[in-house]
Amino acid sequence: MYSPKFTITNKLLKHIGIIEASKEVIDHAPLLPYYEREFRKDALVRTIHHGTHIEGNELNLGQAEKIIDGHIVVGRDRDIQEVINYRKVMEYIDELGSRNYELGITEEMIKKMHTLTVQKILADEQCGQFRKKQVVVRNNKTGEVTFRPSDVALVPALVADLVDFISHPQDIHPVLKSGLVHYELVRIHPFIDGNGRVARALSTLILFLEGYDIRKFFSLEEYFDSVATQYYEALQSVEKEKGDLTNWLEYFTEGLAIELSKIKDKVEKISIDGNLKKKLGKQIMLSDRQLKIIEYIQEAGYLQNQAFKTLFPMVSEDTILNELKELLKTKIIKKKGKTKGAKYVMA
């Protein structure tokens, strides 16, 4: 079985501590359904864009988002297909994670991820099939050979060992396990192309299955892509350290700590009063207009009657006042003043 070598350092402990603290806040924040949807969509778009961009995809974030939403964009066929494919990969791991897949991760699932990743990019006979020749891994930015993967003859056995490692209970923190699997699949490089995307997707799936889905608000890909040379250097560090994964894990956990800290801060800024859910005793269900009102108040600080036409140009004042009454009733907002100059603010 795969037996990784690493040391639990103060840096690792610090990063895991930040991850756990952020996870606690994010998992228990009583967010409105609107923000729940927006956070998940934002994470999905960032994951797909940066997950393909780091591999040399030339589309920008806006173009990637349009493709994800089903719009046509002008770009290289391969770039567009990569975005379409990686969205399918994310949908696949989301489906597996949502079902809390009890049978664990299998070789067939990894091959399925690869097939989805390279559909219409590689020949059909190469999709979901282990490579049959020796290759080298190059930095897409510089062209430099970053490392030489395992001998082609060893690939099936190495993947089987990795699957065995994933499937058996380990006394390893889920975040570290995710990082270890990420590196090992990249090192084995089982496929002719698409290994980086499959490794990052598999790493994310492990977090989902180990109870670290964190409401699916996070994207590690943006961190990896922000300074791609650091990502490749962190991967290379293992070989330089004679198989010791400590530096790589410090880099990997730092990325998740940074990403979750940002989300935690964002969640805290827009989260409704933590006691609200308890007061209501049920899920908060609001109309689209009510959600828009809350978003406006949170951005502007308050809402007054004279802003109604700007916010809802085709809606009567009475209708808006009725929406406000419902928000006042649930104590999500409160009213300051009694005249038409009164301000509606977050409670």
Protein backbone atom coordinates (compact mmCIF):
# COMPACT_ATOMS: atom_id res chain seq x y z
CA MET A 1 0.00 0.00 0.00
CA TYR A 2 1.05 3.60 -0.63
CA SER A 3 2.91 4.81 2.48
CA PRO A 4 3.60 8.57 2.41
CA LYS A 5 6.44 10.18 4.33
CA PHE A 6 5.91 13.56 6.02
CA THR A 7 6.34 15.39 9.33
CA ILE A 8 3.66 17.26 11.30
CA THR A 9 5.23 20.71 11.59
CA ASN A 10 4.09 23.88 13.38
CA LYS A 11 3.11 25.30 9.97
CA LEU A 12 0.87 22.34 9.26
CA LEU A 13 -0.76 22.60 12.69
CA LYS A 14 -1.31 26.33 12.21
CA HIS A 15 -2.90 25.84 8.78
CA ILE A 16 -5.14 23.00 9.98
CA GLY A 17 -6.22 25.18 12.93
CA ILE A 18 -7.25 28.00 10.58
CA ILE A 19 -9.08 25.53 8.34
CA GLU A 20 -11.01 24.04 11.25
CA ALA A 21 -11.96 27.45 12.68
CA SER A 22 -13.10 28.72 9.27
CA LYS A 23 -15.01 25.51 8.56
CA GLU A 24 -16.89 25.87 11.85
CA VAL A 25 -18.04 29.40 10.97
CA ILE A 26 -18.94 28.59 7.35
CA ASP A 27 -20.77 25.34 8.13
CA HIS A 28 -22.96 26.96 10.80
CA ALA A 29 -23.59 30.41 9.30
CA PRO A 30 -27.38 30.86 8.82
CA LEU A 31 -27.10 32.16 5.27
CA LEU A 32 -30.06 33.11 3.14
CA PRO A 33 -30.72 30.73 0.21
CA TYR A 34 -29.71 33.46 -2.25
CA TYR A 35 -26.20 33.72 -0.83
CA GLU A 36 -25.89 29.94 -0.56
CA ARG A 37 -26.51 29.71 -4.32
CA GLU A 38 -24.19 32.60 -5.13
CA PHE A 39 -21.28 31.24 -3.07
CA ARG A 40 -21.57 27.82 -4.67
CA LYS A 41 -21.77 29.22 -8.17
CA ASP A 42 -18.79 31.50 -7.53
CA ALA A 43 -16.71 28.57 -6.24
CA LEU A 44 -17.72 26.44 -9.23
CA VAL A 45 -16.77 29.13 -11.76
CA ARG A 46 -13.43 29.80 -10.07
CA THR A 47 -12.66 26.07 -9.85
CA ILE A 48 -13.39 25.45 -13.52
CA HIS A 49 -11.62 28.55 -14.81
CA HIS A 50 -8.46 28.29 -12.72
CA GLY A 51 -8.40 24.49 -12.93
CA THR A 52 -8.09 24.74 -16.72
CA HIS A 53 -6.15 28.01 -16.88
CA ILE A 54 -3.23 26.55 -14.93
CA GLU A 55 -2.99 23.90 -17.66
CA GLY A 56 -2.62 26.55 -20.39
CA ASN A 57 -6.25 27.41 -21.17
CA GLU A 58 -6.39 30.95 -22.61
CA LEU A 59 -10.00 31.85 -21.72
CA ASN A 60 -10.59 34.45 -19.01
CA LEU A 61 -12.88 34.12 -15.99
CA GLY A 62 -15.77 35.95 -17.67
CA GLN A 63 -15.60 33.75 -20.76
CA ALA A 64 -15.50 30.61 -18.62
CA GLU A 65 -18.57 31.78 -16.70
CA LYS A 66 -20.47 32.40 -19.94
CA ILE A 67 -19.65 28.89 -21.18
CA ILE A 68 -20.77 27.41 -17.86
CA ASP A 69 -24.05 29.33 -18.21
CA GLY A 70 -24.55 27.89 -21.70
CA HIS A 71 -23.58 30.95 -23.77
CA ILE A 72 -21.41 30.96 -26.89
CA VAL A 73 -17.97 32.60 -26.66
CA VAL A 74 -15.19 33.13 -29.19
CA GLY A 75 -12.08 31.12 -28.36
CA ARG A 76 -9.99 28.10 -29.25
CA ASP A 77 -12.12 24.97 -29.60
CA ARG A 78 -9.89 23.06 -27.20
CA ASP A 79 -10.14 25.79 -24.53
CA ILE A 80 -13.92 25.87 -24.76
CA GLN A 81 -14.13 22.08 -24.62
CA GLU A 82 -11.84 21.95 -21.57
CA VAL A 83 -14.20 24.27 -19.67
CA ILE A 84 -17.27 22.25 -20.71
CA ASN A 85 -15.52 19.02 -19.70
CA TYR A 86 -14.31 20.26 -16.33
CA ARG A 87 -17.79 21.40 -15.46
CA LYS A 88 -18.96 17.81 -16.09
CA VAL A 89 -16.18 16.56 -13.80
CA MET A 90 -17.30 18.93 -11.04
CA GLU A 91 -20.91 17.81 -11.47
CA TYR A 92 -19.77 14.18 -11.21
CA ILE A 93 -17.82 14.64 -7.97
CA ASP A 94 -20.63 16.79 -6.57
CA GLU A 95 -23.04 13.93 -7.27
CA LEU A 96 -20.74 11.42 -5.59
CA GLY A 97 -20.14 13.72 -2.63
CA SER A 98 -23.84 14.47 -2.19
CA ARG A 99 -24.62 10.75 -2.06
CA ASN A 100 -21.87 10.32 0.55
CA TYR A 101 -20.61 7.44 -1.55
CA GLU A 102 -20.37 4.50 0.85
CA LEU A 103 -18.35 2.15 -1.35
CA GLY A 104 -15.41 4.53 -1.41
CA ILE A 105 -13.34 5.68 -4.34
CA THR A 106 -12.54 3.12 -7.01
CA GLU A 107 -10.23 2.89 -10.00
CA GLU A 108 -13.30 3.05 -12.25
CA MET A 109 -14.30 6.38 -10.72
CA ILE A 110 -10.85 7.84 -11.39
CA LYS A 111 -11.04 6.62 -14.98
CA LYS A 112 -14.53 8.13 -15.29
CA MET A 113 -13.16 11.50 -14.11
CA HIS A 114 -10.48 11.26 -16.77
CA THR A 115 -12.98 10.38 -19.49
CA LEU A 116 -15.08 13.43 -18.59
CA THR A 117 -11.94 15.61 -18.49
CA VAL A 118 -10.65 14.77 -21.96
CA GLN A 119 -13.82 14.03 -23.97
CA LYS A 120 -13.50 15.38 -27.53
CA ILE A 121 -9.89 16.39 -26.76
CA LEU A 122 -8.14 13.02 -26.80
CA ALA A 123 -8.95 10.08 -29.06
CA ASP A 124 -11.72 7.86 -27.69
CA GLU A 125 -9.30 4.99 -27.06
CA GLN A 126 -7.22 7.24 -24.75
CA CYS A 127 -10.14 8.45 -22.62
CA GLY A 128 -10.22 6.74 -19.25
CA GLN A 129 -7.28 4.52 -20.20
CA PHE A 130 -3.86 4.38 -18.57
CA ARG A 131 -1.00 5.68 -20.72
CA LYS A 132 1.01 3.18 -22.70
CA LYS A 133 4.21 5.16 -23.13
CA GLN A 134 6.74 7.05 -21.05
CA VAL A 135 6.22 10.83 -20.73
CA VAL A 136 7.65 13.85 -18.93
CA VAL A 137 5.71 16.59 -17.09
CA ARG A 138 6.46 20.16 -18.14
CA ASN A 139 5.60 23.53 -16.62
CA ASN A 140 3.02 25.03 -19.00
CA LYS A 141 4.37 28.53 -18.40
CA THR A 142 8.08 27.87 -18.93
CA GLY A 143 8.24 24.54 -20.75
CA GLU A 144 10.70 23.27 -18.14
CA VAL A 145 10.57 19.56 -17.28
CA THR A 146 9.22 19.53 -13.71
CA PHE A 147 9.59 15.80 -13.09
CA ARG A 148 9.53 12.42 -14.77
CA PRO A 149 6.55 10.25 -13.83
CA SER A 150 6.64 6.61 -12.87
CA ASP A 151 7.61 3.94 -15.36
CA VAL A 152 4.65 3.11 -17.57
CA ALA A 153 4.75 -0.57 -16.57
CA LEU A 154 4.17 0.35 -12.92
CA VAL A 155 1.12 2.57 -13.46
CA PRO A 156 -1.67 0.00 -12.87
CA ALA A 157 -0.09 -1.30 -9.65
CA LEU A 158 0.63 2.22 -8.35
CA VAL A 159 -2.96 3.35 -8.97
CA ALA A 160 -4.25 0.20 -7.24
CA ASP A 161 -2.04 1.00 -4.23
CA LEU A 162 -3.33 4.58 -4.13
CA VAL A 163 -6.96 3.44 -4.30
CA ASP A 164 -6.23 1.01 -1.47
CA PHE A 165 -4.75 3.87 0.58
CA ILE A 166 -7.83 6.04 -0.05
CA SER A 167 -10.30 3.26 0.73
CA HIS A 168 -8.85 2.07 4.03
CA PRO A 169 -9.33 4.10 7.24
CA GLN A 170 -6.23 6.16 7.98
CA ASP A 171 -5.15 8.05 11.06
CA ILE A 172 -4.54 11.08 8.85
CA HIS A 173 -6.46 14.35 8.86
CA PRO A 174 -8.78 14.54 5.79
CA VAL A 175 -7.08 17.71 4.50
CA LEU A 176 -3.67 16.02 4.62
CA LYS A 177 -5.12 12.92 2.98
CA SER A 178 -6.52 15.09 0.20
CA GLY A 179 -3.11 16.71 -0.34
CA LEU A 180 -1.29 13.37 -0.31
CA VAL A 181 -3.59 11.87 -2.94
CA HIS A 182 -3.31 15.02 -5.07
CA TYR A 183 0.47 14.72 -5.18
CA GLU A 184 0.59 10.95 -5.67
CA LEU A 185 -1.75 10.95 -8.65
CA VAL A 186 0.28 13.74 -10.26
CA ARG A 187 3.47 11.75 -9.57
CA ILE A 188 2.09 8.54 -11.08
CA HIS A 189 0.71 10.50 -14.05
CA PRO A 190 -1.48 7.55 -15.10
CA PHE A 191 -2.97 9.18 -18.19
CA ILE A 192 -1.49 10.66 -21.34
CA ASP A 193 -3.10 14.06 -20.59
CA GLY A 194 -5.45 15.63 -18.04
CA ASN A 195 -3.65 14.29 -14.95
CA GLY A 196 -3.53 17.62 -13.12
CA ARG A 197 -7.26 18.21 -13.46
CA VAL A 198 -8.08 14.65 -12.39
CA ALA A 199 -5.72 14.94 -9.39
CA ARG A 200 -7.32 18.18 -8.23
CA ALA A 201 -10.85 16.80 -8.74
CA LEU A 202 -10.00 13.61 -6.84
CA SER A 203 -8.47 15.68 -4.05
CA THR A 204 -11.67 17.72 -3.80
CA LEU A 205 -13.84 14.59 -3.83
CA ILE A 206 -11.89 13.20 -0.87
CA LEU A 207 -12.65 16.37 1.09
CA PHE A 208 -16.34 16.03 0.20
CA LEU A 209 -16.51 12.40 1.28
CA GLU A 210 -14.53 13.01 4.48
CA GLY A 211 -17.00 15.65 5.72
CA TYR A 212 -15.02 18.65 4.48
CA ASP A 213 -17.30 19.80 1.68
CA ILE A 214 -17.61 23.13 3.62
CA ARG A 215 -20.91 23.82 1.83
CA LYS A 216 -19.00 23.58 -1.49
CA PHE A 217 -18.00 27.23 -1.16
CA PHE A 218 -14.25 26.79 -1.72
CA SER A 219 -11.91 26.56 -4.71
CA LEU A 220 -8.27 25.58 -4.25
CA GLU A 221 -7.61 25.99 -7.96
CA GLU A 222 -7.46 29.79 -7.73
CA TYR A 223 -4.66 29.51 -5.16
CA PHE A 224 -2.71 27.05 -7.34
CA ASP A 225 -3.17 29.19 -10.44
CA SER A 226 -2.41 32.55 -8.79
CA VAL A 227 1.33 31.82 -8.85
CA ALA A 228 1.62 28.69 -10.97
CA THR A 229 5.40 28.49 -10.55
CA GLN A 230 4.93 28.02 -6.79
CA TYR A 231 2.48 25.18 -7.45
CA TYR A 232 5.00 23.35 -9.63
CA GLU A 233 7.86 24.11 -7.24
CA ALA A 234 5.83 22.66 -4.34
CA LEU A 235 5.20 19.50 -6.35
CA GLN A 236 8.90 19.29 -7.30
CA SER A 237 9.96 19.72 -3.67
CA VAL A 238 8.98 16.12 -2.88
CA GLU A 239 11.50 14.64 -5.28
CA LYS A 240 14.17 17.08 -4.10
CA GLU A 241 13.46 16.06 -0.50
CA LYS A 242 13.80 12.36 -1.42
CA GLY A 243 10.09 11.60 -1.16
CA ASP A 244 9.31 13.74 1.90
CA LEU A 245 5.93 15.43 1.34
CA THR A 246 6.14 17.94 4.22
CA ASN A 247 6.84 21.02 2.08
CA TRP A 248 4.10 20.09 -0.38
CA LEU A 249 1.57 19.59 2.43
CA GLU A 250 2.52 22.93 4.00
CA TYR A 251 1.86 24.60 0.63
CA PHE A 252 -1.39 22.67 0.07
CA THR A 253 -2.85 23.34 3.54
CA GLU A 254 -1.83 27.00 3.39
CA GLY A 255 -3.90 27.34 0.20
CA LEU A 256 -7.01 25.89 1.79
CA ALA A 257 -6.48 27.99 4.92
CA ILE A 258 -6.24 31.17 2.83
CA GLU A 259 -9.28 30.28 0.72
CA LEU A 260 -11.48 29.38 3.70
CA SER A 261 -10.38 32.46 5.65
CA LYS A 262 -11.56 34.66 2.77
CA ILE A 263 -14.89 32.84 2.62
CA LYS A 264 -15.29 33.01 6.41
CA ASP A 265 -14.78 36.79 6.34
CA LYS A 266 -17.29 37.14 3.51
CA VAL A 267 -19.83 34.92 5.26
CA GLU A 268 -19.54 36.86 8.51
CA LYS A 269 -20.18 40.14 6.69
CA ILE A 270 -23.41 39.02 5.07
CA SER A 271 -24.66 36.39 7.51
CA ILE A 272 -27.99 37.02 9.19
CA ASP A 273 -27.98 37.19 13.01
CA GLY A 274 -26.88 33.76 14.22
CA ASN A 275 -29.88 33.47 16.54
CA LEU A 276 -32.42 34.20 13.81
CA LYS A 277 -32.80 30.58 12.76
CA LYS A 278 -33.48 29.61 16.37
CA LYS A 279 -36.04 32.39 16.74
CA LEU A 280 -37.91 31.34 13.62
CA GLY A 281 -37.50 27.62 14.23
CA LYS A 282 -37.43 26.93 10.50
CA GLN A 283 -35.53 27.57 7.26
CA ILE A 284 -35.75 31.18 6.09
CA MET A 285 -37.60 31.27 2.75
CA LEU A 286 -37.64 34.68 1.10
CA SER A 287 -38.88 35.98 -2.24
CA ASP A 288 -36.47 37.22 -4.91
CA ARG A 289 -37.57 40.80 -4.17
CA GLN A 290 -36.89 40.35 -0.45
CA LEU A 291 -33.44 38.95 -1.22
CA LYS A 292 -32.72 41.91 -3.47
CA ILE A 293 -33.83 44.31 -0.72
CA ILE A 294 -31.48 42.66 1.79
CA GLU A 295 -28.59 42.70 -0.68
CA TYR A 296 -29.20 46.41 -1.32
CA ILE A 297 -29.30 47.23 2.41
CA GLN A 298 -26.13 45.26 3.06
CA GLU A 299 -24.31 47.07 0.26
CA ALA A 300 -25.69 50.59 0.83
CA GLY A 301 -26.22 50.38 4.59
CA TYR A 302 -29.92 51.28 4.46
CA LEU A 303 -32.96 51.59 2.17
CA GLN A 304 -35.32 54.58 1.93
CA ASN A 305 -38.60 55.01 0.05
CA GLN A 306 -37.02 57.25 -2.61
CA ALA A 307 -34.78 54.35 -3.68
CA PHE A 308 -37.74 52.04 -4.42
CA LYS A 309 -38.03 53.10 -8.09
CA THR A 310 -34.34 52.56 -8.67
CA LEU A 311 -34.40 49.14 -7.06
CA PHE A 312 -37.73 48.00 -8.60
CA PRO A 313 -38.64 50.30 -11.53
CA MET A 314 -41.71 48.25 -12.58
CA VAL A 315 -43.10 47.49 -9.09
CA SER A 316 -45.61 49.60 -7.13
CA GLU A 317 -44.62 51.21 -3.84
CA ASP A 318 -47.37 49.30 -2.02
CA THR A 319 -45.95 45.98 -3.20
CA ILE A 320 -42.46 46.91 -1.99
CA LEU A 321 -43.87 48.05 1.36
CA ASN A 322 -45.58 44.65 1.73
CA GLU A 323 -42.25 42.91 1.09
CA LEU A 324 -40.65 45.13 3.74
CA LYS A 325 -43.41 44.28 6.22
CA GLU A 326 -42.57 40.59 5.91
CA LEU A 327 -38.89 41.30 6.53
CA LEU A 328 -39.79 43.46 9.54
CA LYS A 329 -42.04 40.70 10.87
CA THR A 330 -39.22 38.13 10.78
CA LYS A 331 -36.88 40.71 12.35
CA ILE A 332 -34.36 40.43 9.54
CA ILE A 333 -34.54 44.20 9.12
CA LYS A 334 -35.74 47.04 11.31
CA LYS A 335 -37.14 50.49 10.62
CA LYS A 336 -35.60 53.71 11.89
CA GLY A 337 -38.00 56.67 11.84
CA LYS A 338 -41.70 56.89 10.99
CA THR A 339 -42.01 59.29 8.05
CA LYS A 340 -41.27 58.73 4.35
CA GLY A 341 -37.68 59.56 5.21
CA ALA A 342 -37.47 56.47 7.43
CA LYS A 343 -34.57 54.09 6.88
CA TYR A 344 -34.73 50.29 6.71
CA VAL A 345 -31.55 48.70 8.06
CA MET A 346 -30.37 45.19 8.96
CA ALA A 347 -31.63 44.20 12.41
